[in-house]
Amino acid sequence: MTTLALGPSWLEPNQLIDTFGPLGVMAIVFAESGLLIGFFLPGDALLFTTGLLITSGTMSQPLWLMVLGIVAAAIIGDQVGYLFGRKVGPALFNRPDSKLFKQENVEKAHEFFEKYGPKSLVLARFVPVVRTFTPIIAGVSRMNYRSFLIFNVLGGVLWGAGVTLLGSWLGKSAVVRDNIEAMLIGIVALSVLPIVIEYLRARSKAKKAGPAGSVPDGAVAPQAPVSRGRHAKR
């Protein structure tokens, strides 16, 4: 199995797995899921490669055990990110003179999570960088904890188990094993697809709602009735 470099050699999935082993994979998933310093880590490629290496016999760990550990690391990582944002985030980002974050941005984030929170938490799992900051911003905006926990678990299972099992399943094919780089690029491209679909849906709804609330050209907008005060003519 050969790979091309998607970035620095020390960030290649094979290199990370060879250097840090199964526990390292879980630690990387944990860091990328909720620690600010983990945004650059190759989560999707790492999970896919882990599943592939288990199927090919390069890794001796049971698939079910790795999947369980990865899912747990993803869920706990988001949990830590949420708590960090809730406890420390406001002190760091909510100051009026902050160059990193403004109060109005926090309010916008709060409105966003109130409206799209559950959906965004699941979709963000499949988008590099976004999945690192989403739980932190959810904590800063004080998203309802029960909703966060439910969709944190759902997103962690779908992403952690889904991408790893996909690598395991596709890893049975010699074509995939011989073209792992192309598969990793495809995984990254597919990870952005849910966000693109959601964006197009929201844009379509906005276009439909626009004409309904607009006033046709040449028409006069209805005026609010004026109450007659005590000085009005009778």
C-alpha atoms as a PDB file:
ATOM      1  CA  MET A   1       0.000   0.000   0.000  1.00  0.00           C
ATOM      2  CA  THR A   2       1.500   3.305  -1.136  1.00  0.00           C
ATOM      3  CA  THR A   3       0.481   6.842  -0.288  1.00  0.00           C
ATOM      4  CA  LEU A   4       1.242  10.322  -1.508  1.00  0.00           C
ATOM      5  CA  ALA A   5       1.785  13.160   0.903  1.00  0.00           C
ATOM      6  CA  LEU A   6      -1.316  15.236   1.607  1.00  0.00           C
ATOM      7  CA  GLY A   7       0.729  17.352   3.970  1.00  0.00           C
ATOM      8  CA  PRO A   8       3.829  17.047   6.174  1.00  0.00           C
ATOM      9  CA  SER A   9       5.107  13.469   6.379  1.00  0.00           C
ATOM     10  CA  TRP A  10       4.611  13.394  10.138  1.00  0.00           C
ATOM     11  CA  LEU A  11       0.880  14.036   9.598  1.00  0.00           C
ATOM     12  CA  GLU A  12       0.418  11.130   7.212  1.00  0.00           C
ATOM     13  CA  PRO A  13      -2.030   8.566   8.703  1.00  0.00           C
ATOM     14  CA  ASN A  14       0.392   5.671   8.266  1.00  0.00           C
ATOM     15  CA  GLN A  15       3.156   7.596   9.994  1.00  0.00           C
ATOM     16  CA  LEU A  16       0.928   8.561  12.903  1.00  0.00           C
ATOM     17  CA  ILE A  17      -0.346   5.014  13.360  1.00  0.00           C
ATOM     18  CA  ASP A  18       3.160   3.516  13.170  1.00  0.00           C
ATOM     19  CA  THR A  19       4.488   6.060  15.661  1.00  0.00           C
ATOM     20  CA  PHE A  20       1.718   6.254  18.236  1.00  0.00           C
ATOM     21  CA  GLY A  21      -0.278   3.040  17.757  1.00  0.00           C
ATOM     22  CA  PRO A  22      -3.966   2.491  18.613  1.00  0.00           C
ATOM     23  CA  LEU A  23      -3.902   4.686  21.708  1.00  0.00           C
ATOM     24  CA  GLY A  24      -2.380   7.448  19.625  1.00  0.00           C
ATOM     25  CA  VAL A  25      -5.257   7.190  17.161  1.00  0.00           C
ATOM     26  CA  MET A  26      -7.742   7.675  19.989  1.00  0.00           C
ATOM     27  CA  ALA A  27      -5.724  10.576  21.407  1.00  0.00           C
ATOM     28  CA  ILE A  28      -5.670  12.296  18.009  1.00  0.00           C
ATOM     29  CA  VAL A  29      -9.431  11.835  17.605  1.00  0.00           C
ATOM     30  CA  PHE A  30      -9.924  13.292  21.076  1.00  0.00           C
ATOM     31  CA  ALA A  31      -7.721  16.311  20.322  1.00  0.00           C
ATOM     32  CA  GLU A  32      -9.305  17.033  16.953  1.00  0.00           C
ATOM     33  CA  SER A  33     -12.810  16.746  18.368  1.00  0.00           C
ATOM     34  CA  GLY A  34     -12.574  19.475  20.964  1.00  0.00           C
ATOM     35  CA  LEU A  35      -9.127  20.937  21.610  1.00  0.00           C
ATOM     36  CA  LEU A  36      -8.154  24.143  19.821  1.00  0.00           C
ATOM     37  CA  ILE A  37      -4.707  22.745  19.048  1.00  0.00           C
ATOM     38  CA  GLY A  38      -6.161  19.758  17.199  1.00  0.00           C
ATOM     39  CA  PHE A  39      -7.764  21.514  14.239  1.00  0.00           C
ATOM     40  CA  PHE A  40      -4.953  20.552  11.813  1.00  0.00           C
ATOM     41  CA  LEU A  41      -5.024  16.804  12.524  1.00  0.00           C
ATOM     42  CA  PRO A  42      -6.155  14.409   9.737  1.00  0.00           C
ATOM     43  CA  GLY A  43      -9.181  12.839  11.406  1.00  0.00           C
ATOM     44  CA  ASP A  44     -11.061  11.471   8.387  1.00  0.00           C
ATOM     45  CA  ALA A  45      -7.970  10.054   6.711  1.00  0.00           C
ATOM     46  CA  LEU A  46      -6.748   8.611  10.015  1.00  0.00           C
ATOM     47  CA  LEU A  47     -10.005   6.753  10.720  1.00  0.00           C
ATOM     48  CA  PHE A  48     -10.278   5.462   7.166  1.00  0.00           C
ATOM     49  CA  THR A  49      -6.676   4.237   7.216  1.00  0.00           C
ATOM     50  CA  THR A  50      -7.168   2.608  10.619  1.00  0.00           C
ATOM     51  CA  GLY A  51     -10.070   0.543   9.323  1.00  0.00           C
ATOM     52  CA  LEU A  52      -8.133  -0.379   6.198  1.00  0.00           C
ATOM     53  CA  LEU A  53      -5.030  -1.464   8.127  1.00  0.00           C
ATOM     54  CA  ILE A  54      -7.088  -3.646  10.456  1.00  0.00           C
ATOM     55  CA  THR A  55      -8.731  -5.389   7.516  1.00  0.00           C
ATOM     56  CA  SER A  56      -5.391  -5.908   5.768  1.00  0.00           C
ATOM     57  CA  GLY A  57      -3.888  -7.397   8.941  1.00  0.00           C
ATOM     58  CA  THR A  58      -1.314  -4.635   9.454  1.00  0.00           C
ATOM     59  CA  MET A  59      -2.981  -3.702  12.735  1.00  0.00           C
ATOM     60  CA  SER A  60      -3.745  -6.597  15.068  1.00  0.00           C
ATOM     61  CA  GLN A  61      -6.364  -4.863  17.208  1.00  0.00           C
ATOM     62  CA  PRO A  62      -9.959  -6.111  16.883  1.00  0.00           C
ATOM     63  CA  LEU A  63     -12.054  -3.838  14.676  1.00  0.00           C
ATOM     64  CA  TRP A  64     -14.897  -3.620  17.197  1.00  0.00           C
ATOM     65  CA  LEU A  65     -12.499  -2.542  19.949  1.00  0.00           C
ATOM     66  CA  MET A  66     -10.940   0.205  17.838  1.00  0.00           C
ATOM     67  CA  VAL A  67     -14.350   1.459  16.745  1.00  0.00           C
ATOM     68  CA  LEU A  68     -15.513   1.575  20.355  1.00  0.00           C
ATOM     69  CA  GLY A  69     -12.394   3.468  21.440  1.00  0.00           C
ATOM     70  CA  ILE A  70     -12.604   5.930  18.550  1.00  0.00           C
ATOM     71  CA  VAL A  71     -16.279   6.692  19.181  1.00  0.00           C
ATOM     72  CA  ALA A  72     -15.602   7.203  22.889  1.00  0.00           C
ATOM     73  CA  ALA A  73     -12.664   9.523  22.141  1.00  0.00           C
ATOM     74  CA  ALA A  74     -14.778  11.558  19.702  1.00  0.00           C
ATOM     75  CA  ILE A  75     -17.645  11.961  22.160  1.00  0.00           C
ATOM     76  CA  ILE A  76     -15.397  12.822  25.119  1.00  0.00           C
ATOM     77  CA  GLY A  77     -13.404  15.263  22.980  1.00  0.00           C
ATOM     78  CA  ASP A  78     -16.526  17.191  22.007  1.00  0.00           C
ATOM     79  CA  GLN A  79     -17.633  17.133  25.637  1.00  0.00           C
ATOM     80  CA  VAL A  80     -14.358  18.718  26.730  1.00  0.00           C
ATOM     81  CA  GLY A  81     -14.639  21.300  23.955  1.00  0.00           C
ATOM     82  CA  TYR A  82     -18.153  22.229  25.049  1.00  0.00           C
ATOM     83  CA  LEU A  83     -17.144  22.584  28.698  1.00  0.00           C
ATOM     84  CA  PHE A  84     -14.097  24.628  27.717  1.00  0.00           C
ATOM     85  CA  GLY A  85     -16.246  26.998  25.690  1.00  0.00           C
ATOM     86  CA  ARG A  86     -18.854  27.249  28.437  1.00  0.00           C
ATOM     87  CA  LYS A  87     -16.433  27.849  31.312  1.00  0.00           C
ATOM     88  CA  VAL A  88     -13.448  29.595  29.766  1.00  0.00           C
ATOM     89  CA  GLY A  89     -14.683  30.802  26.389  1.00  0.00           C
ATOM     90  CA  PRO A  90     -16.578  33.921  27.531  1.00  0.00           C
ATOM     91  CA  ALA A  91     -13.584  35.124  29.543  1.00  0.00           C
ATOM     92  CA  LEU A  92     -11.351  34.781  26.481  1.00  0.00           C
ATOM     93  CA  PHE A  93     -13.577  35.910  23.647  1.00  0.00           C
ATOM     94  CA  ASN A  94     -16.416  38.023  24.994  1.00  0.00           C
ATOM     95  CA  ARG A  95     -14.435  41.129  25.884  1.00  0.00           C
ATOM     96  CA  PRO A  96     -15.525  44.174  23.841  1.00  0.00           C
ATOM     97  CA  ASP A  97     -11.954  44.830  22.692  1.00  0.00           C
ATOM     98  CA  SER A  98     -11.196  41.197  21.827  1.00  0.00           C
ATOM     99  CA  LYS A  99      -9.571  40.739  18.429  1.00  0.00           C
ATOM    100  CA  LEU A 100     -10.558  37.071  18.326  1.00  0.00           C
ATOM    101  CA  PHE A 101     -14.240  37.304  19.054  1.00  0.00           C
ATOM    102  CA  LYS A 102     -16.847  39.988  19.613  1.00  0.00           C
ATOM    103  CA  GLN A 103     -20.000  39.912  21.665  1.00  0.00           C
ATOM    104  CA  GLU A 104     -22.158  40.262  18.555  1.00  0.00           C
ATOM    105  CA  ASN A 105     -20.500  37.175  17.100  1.00  0.00           C
ATOM    106  CA  VAL A 106     -21.341  35.207  20.228  1.00  0.00           C
ATOM    107  CA  GLU A 107     -24.949  36.321  19.941  1.00  0.00           C
ATOM    108  CA  LYS A 108     -25.033  35.269  16.296  1.00  0.00           C
ATOM    109  CA  ALA A 109     -23.514  31.914  17.235  1.00  0.00           C
ATOM    110  CA  HIS A 110     -26.146  31.478  19.936  1.00  0.00           C
ATOM    111  CA  GLU A 111     -28.931  32.203  17.454  1.00  0.00           C
ATOM    112  CA  PHE A 112     -27.361  29.780  14.971  1.00  0.00           C
ATOM    113  CA  PHE A 113     -27.177  26.937  17.474  1.00  0.00           C
ATOM    114  CA  GLU A 114     -30.682  27.632  18.750  1.00  0.00           C
ATOM    115  CA  LYS A 115     -31.968  27.207  15.194  1.00  0.00           C
ATOM    116  CA  TYR A 116     -29.599  24.644  13.632  1.00  0.00           C
ATOM    117  CA  GLY A 117     -27.742  23.285  16.671  1.00  0.00           C
ATOM    118  CA  PRO A 118     -28.596  19.563  16.493  1.00  0.00           C
ATOM    119  CA  LYS A 119     -28.140  19.405  12.732  1.00  0.00           C
ATOM    120  CA  SER A 120     -24.923  21.417  12.757  1.00  0.00           C
ATOM    121  CA  LEU A 121     -23.322  19.240  15.432  1.00  0.00           C
ATOM    122  CA  VAL A 122     -23.780  16.114  13.317  1.00  0.00           C
ATOM    123  CA  LEU A 123     -22.771  17.708  10.007  1.00  0.00           C
ATOM    124  CA  ALA A 124     -19.717  19.397  11.509  1.00  0.00           C
ATOM    125  CA  ARG A 125     -18.254  16.008  12.417  1.00  0.00           C
ATOM    126  CA  PHE A 126     -17.565  15.357   8.741  1.00  0.00           C
ATOM    127  CA  VAL A 127     -15.889  18.694   7.976  1.00  0.00           C
ATOM    128  CA  PRO A 128     -12.195  19.175   8.863  1.00  0.00           C
ATOM    129  CA  VAL A 129     -11.413  22.155  11.144  1.00  0.00           C
ATOM    130  CA  VAL A 130     -15.134  22.878  11.614  1.00  0.00           C
ATOM    131  CA  ARG A 131     -15.561  19.810  13.806  1.00  0.00           C
ATOM    132  CA  THR A 132     -12.861  21.115  16.167  1.00  0.00           C
ATOM    133  CA  PHE A 133     -14.432  24.515  16.798  1.00  0.00           C
ATOM    134  CA  THR A 134     -18.125  23.587  16.745  1.00  0.00           C
ATOM    135  CA  PRO A 135     -18.362  22.163  20.305  1.00  0.00           C
ATOM    136  CA  ILE A 136     -16.328  25.088  21.677  1.00  0.00           C
ATOM    137  CA  ILE A 137     -18.612  27.672  20.068  1.00  0.00           C
ATOM    138  CA  ALA A 138     -21.614  25.656  21.263  1.00  0.00           C
ATOM    139  CA  GLY A 139     -20.284  26.032  24.799  1.00  0.00           C
ATOM    140  CA  VAL A 140     -19.568  29.740  24.378  1.00  0.00           C
ATOM    141  CA  SER A 141     -23.107  30.317  23.102  1.00  0.00           C
ATOM    142  CA  ARG A 142     -24.451  28.196  25.986  1.00  0.00           C
ATOM    143  CA  MET A 143     -26.352  25.802  23.783  1.00  0.00           C
ATOM    144  CA  ASN A 144     -28.815  23.625  25.699  1.00  0.00           C
ATOM    145  CA  TYR A 145     -26.660  20.882  27.234  1.00  0.00           C
ATOM    146  CA  ARG A 146     -29.166  18.068  26.790  1.00  0.00           C
ATOM    147  CA  SER A 147     -29.482  18.774  23.068  1.00  0.00           C
ATOM    148  CA  PHE A 148     -25.707  19.036  22.766  1.00  0.00           C
ATOM    149  CA  LEU A 149     -25.132  15.715  24.520  1.00  0.00           C
ATOM    150  CA  ILE A 150     -27.665  13.808  22.408  1.00  0.00           C
ATOM    151  CA  PHE A 151     -26.315  15.046  19.094  1.00  0.00           C
ATOM    152  CA  ASN A 152     -22.730  14.854  20.279  1.00  0.00           C
ATOM    153  CA  VAL A 153     -23.225  11.119  20.786  1.00  0.00           C
ATOM    154  CA  LEU A 154     -25.072  10.756  17.481  1.00  0.00           C
ATOM    155  CA  GLY A 155     -22.390  12.622  15.553  1.00  0.00           C
ATOM    156  CA  GLY A 156     -19.586  10.754  17.310  1.00  0.00           C
ATOM    157  CA  VAL A 157     -21.066   7.380  16.417  1.00  0.00           C
ATOM    158  CA  LEU A 158     -21.844   8.271  12.800  1.00  0.00           C
ATOM    159  CA  TRP A 159     -18.415   9.765  12.199  1.00  0.00           C
ATOM    160  CA  GLY A 160     -16.161   7.627  14.387  1.00  0.00           C
ATOM    161  CA  ALA A 161     -17.729   4.283  13.554  1.00  0.00           C
ATOM    162  CA  GLY A 162     -18.886   5.182  10.048  1.00  0.00           C
ATOM    163  CA  VAL A 163     -15.557   6.336   8.583  1.00  0.00           C
ATOM    164  CA  THR A 164     -13.586   3.559  10.296  1.00  0.00           C
ATOM    165  CA  LEU A 165     -15.977   0.839   9.111  1.00  0.00           C
ATOM    166  CA  LEU A 166     -15.960   2.337   5.625  1.00  0.00           C
ATOM    167  CA  GLY A 167     -12.176   2.004   5.531  1.00  0.00           C
ATOM    168  CA  SER A 168     -12.437  -1.562   6.771  1.00  0.00           C
ATOM    169  CA  TRP A 169     -15.029  -2.490   4.165  1.00  0.00           C
ATOM    170  CA  LEU A 170     -13.306  -0.825   1.223  1.00  0.00           C
ATOM    171  CA  GLY A 171      -9.946  -2.095   2.429  1.00  0.00           C
ATOM    172  CA  LYS A 172     -10.917  -5.572   1.280  1.00  0.00           C
ATOM    173  CA  SER A 173     -10.497  -4.396  -2.300  1.00  0.00           C
ATOM    174  CA  ALA A 174      -7.027  -4.542  -3.825  1.00  0.00           C
ATOM    175  CA  VAL A 175      -7.879  -1.526  -5.978  1.00  0.00           C
ATOM    176  CA  VAL A 176      -8.513   0.552  -2.867  1.00  0.00           C
ATOM    177  CA  ARG A 177      -5.349  -0.653  -1.146  1.00  0.00           C
ATOM    178  CA  ASP A 178      -3.274   0.253  -4.200  1.00  0.00           C
ATOM    179  CA  ASN A 179      -4.877   3.696  -4.542  1.00  0.00           C
ATOM    180  CA  ILE A 180      -5.296   4.748  -0.943  1.00  0.00           C
ATOM    181  CA  GLU A 181      -4.294   8.369  -1.671  1.00  0.00           C
ATOM    182  CA  ALA A 182      -7.131   8.830  -4.156  1.00  0.00           C
ATOM    183  CA  MET A 183      -9.537   7.318  -1.633  1.00  0.00           C
ATOM    184  CA  LEU A 184      -8.379   9.716   1.096  1.00  0.00           C
ATOM    185  CA  ILE A 185      -8.866  12.695  -1.215  1.00  0.00           C
ATOM    186  CA  GLY A 186     -12.342  11.378  -2.028  1.00  0.00           C
ATOM    187  CA  ILE A 187     -13.153  11.050   1.676  1.00  0.00           C
ATOM    188  CA  VAL A 188     -12.188  14.692   2.273  1.00  0.00           C
ATOM    189  CA  ALA A 189     -14.292  15.806  -0.705  1.00  0.00           C
ATOM    190  CA  LEU A 190     -17.312  13.820   0.477  1.00  0.00           C
ATOM    191  CA  SER A 191     -16.941  15.260   3.983  1.00  0.00           C
ATOM    192  CA  VAL A 192     -17.819  18.696   2.657  1.00  0.00           C
ATOM    193  CA  LEU A 193     -20.882  17.455   0.736  1.00  0.00           C
ATOM    194  CA  PRO A 194     -23.388  17.599   3.656  1.00  0.00           C
ATOM    195  CA  ILE A 195     -22.534  21.246   4.307  1.00  0.00           C
ATOM    196  CA  VAL A 196     -22.894  22.105   0.614  1.00  0.00           C
ATOM    197  CA  ILE A 197     -26.300  20.391   0.479  1.00  0.00           C
ATOM    198  CA  GLU A 198     -27.475  22.204   3.615  1.00  0.00           C
ATOM    199  CA  TYR A 199     -26.268  25.527   2.230  1.00  0.00           C
ATOM    200  CA  LEU A 200     -28.133  25.006  -1.044  1.00  0.00           C
ATOM    201  CA  ARG A 201     -31.297  24.023   0.819  1.00  0.00           C
ATOM    202  CA  ALA A 202     -31.125  27.122   3.025  1.00  0.00           C
ATOM    203  CA  ARG A 203     -30.495  29.312  -0.010  1.00  0.00           C
ATOM    204  CA  SER A 204     -33.467  27.788  -1.824  1.00  0.00           C
ATOM    205  CA  LYS A 205     -35.739  28.405   1.175  1.00  0.00           C
ATOM    206  CA  ALA A 206     -34.538  32.015   1.393  1.00  0.00           C
ATOM    207  CA  LYS A 207     -35.386  32.591  -2.275  1.00  0.00           C
ATOM    208  CA  LYS A 208     -38.871  31.146  -1.814  1.00  0.00           C
ATOM    209  CA  ALA A 209     -39.486  33.189   1.324  1.00  0.00           C
ATOM    210  CA  GLY A 210     -38.259  36.413  -0.329  1.00  0.00           C
ATOM    211  CA  PRO A 211     -41.113  36.912  -2.842  1.00  0.00           C
ATOM    212  CA  ALA A 212     -43.731  35.998  -0.235  1.00  0.00           C
ATOM    213  CA  GLY A 213     -42.718  38.852   2.050  1.00  0.00           C
ATOM    214  CA  SER A 214     -41.913  41.443  -0.611  1.00  0.00           C
ATOM    215  CA  VAL A 215     -44.142  44.207  -1.986  1.00  0.00           C
ATOM    216  CA  PRO A 216     -44.756  44.061  -5.769  1.00  0.00           C
ATOM    217  CA  ASP A 217     -43.397  46.930  -7.874  1.00  0.00           C
ATOM    218  CA  GLY A 218     -45.848  49.820  -8.072  1.00  0.00           C
ATOM    219  CA  ALA A 219     -47.865  48.638  -5.111  1.00  0.00           C
ATOM    220  CA  VAL A 220     -48.293  50.668  -1.967  1.00  0.00           C
ATOM    221  CA  ALA A 221     -47.463  48.983   1.289  1.00  0.00           C
ATOM    222  CA  PRO A 222     -50.399  48.910   3.704  1.00  0.00           C
ATOM    223  CA  GLN A 223     -50.259  51.573   6.393  1.00  0.00           C
ATOM    224  CA  ALA A 224     -50.796  50.882  10.046  1.00  0.00           C
ATOM    225  CA  PRO A 225     -54.052  52.313  11.348  1.00  0.00           C
ATOM    226  CA  VAL A 226     -53.705  55.625  13.187  1.00  0.00           C
ATOM    227  CA  SER A 227     -55.562  55.894  16.447  1.00  0.00           C
ATOM    228  CA  ARG A 228     -57.575  59.054  17.121  1.00  0.00           C
ATOM    229  CA  GLY A 229     -56.238  60.908  20.087  1.00  0.00           C
ATOM    230  CA  ARG A 230     -58.170  63.329  22.269  1.00  0.00           C
ATOM    231  CA  HIS A 231     -57.043  66.228  20.085  1.00  0.00           C
ATOM    232  CA  ALA A 232     -58.237  64.572  16.842  1.00  0.00           C
ATOM    233  CA  LYS A 233     -61.115  66.169  14.996  1.00  0.00           C
ATOM    234  CA  ARG A 234     -64.481  64.617  15.665  1.00  0.00           C
END
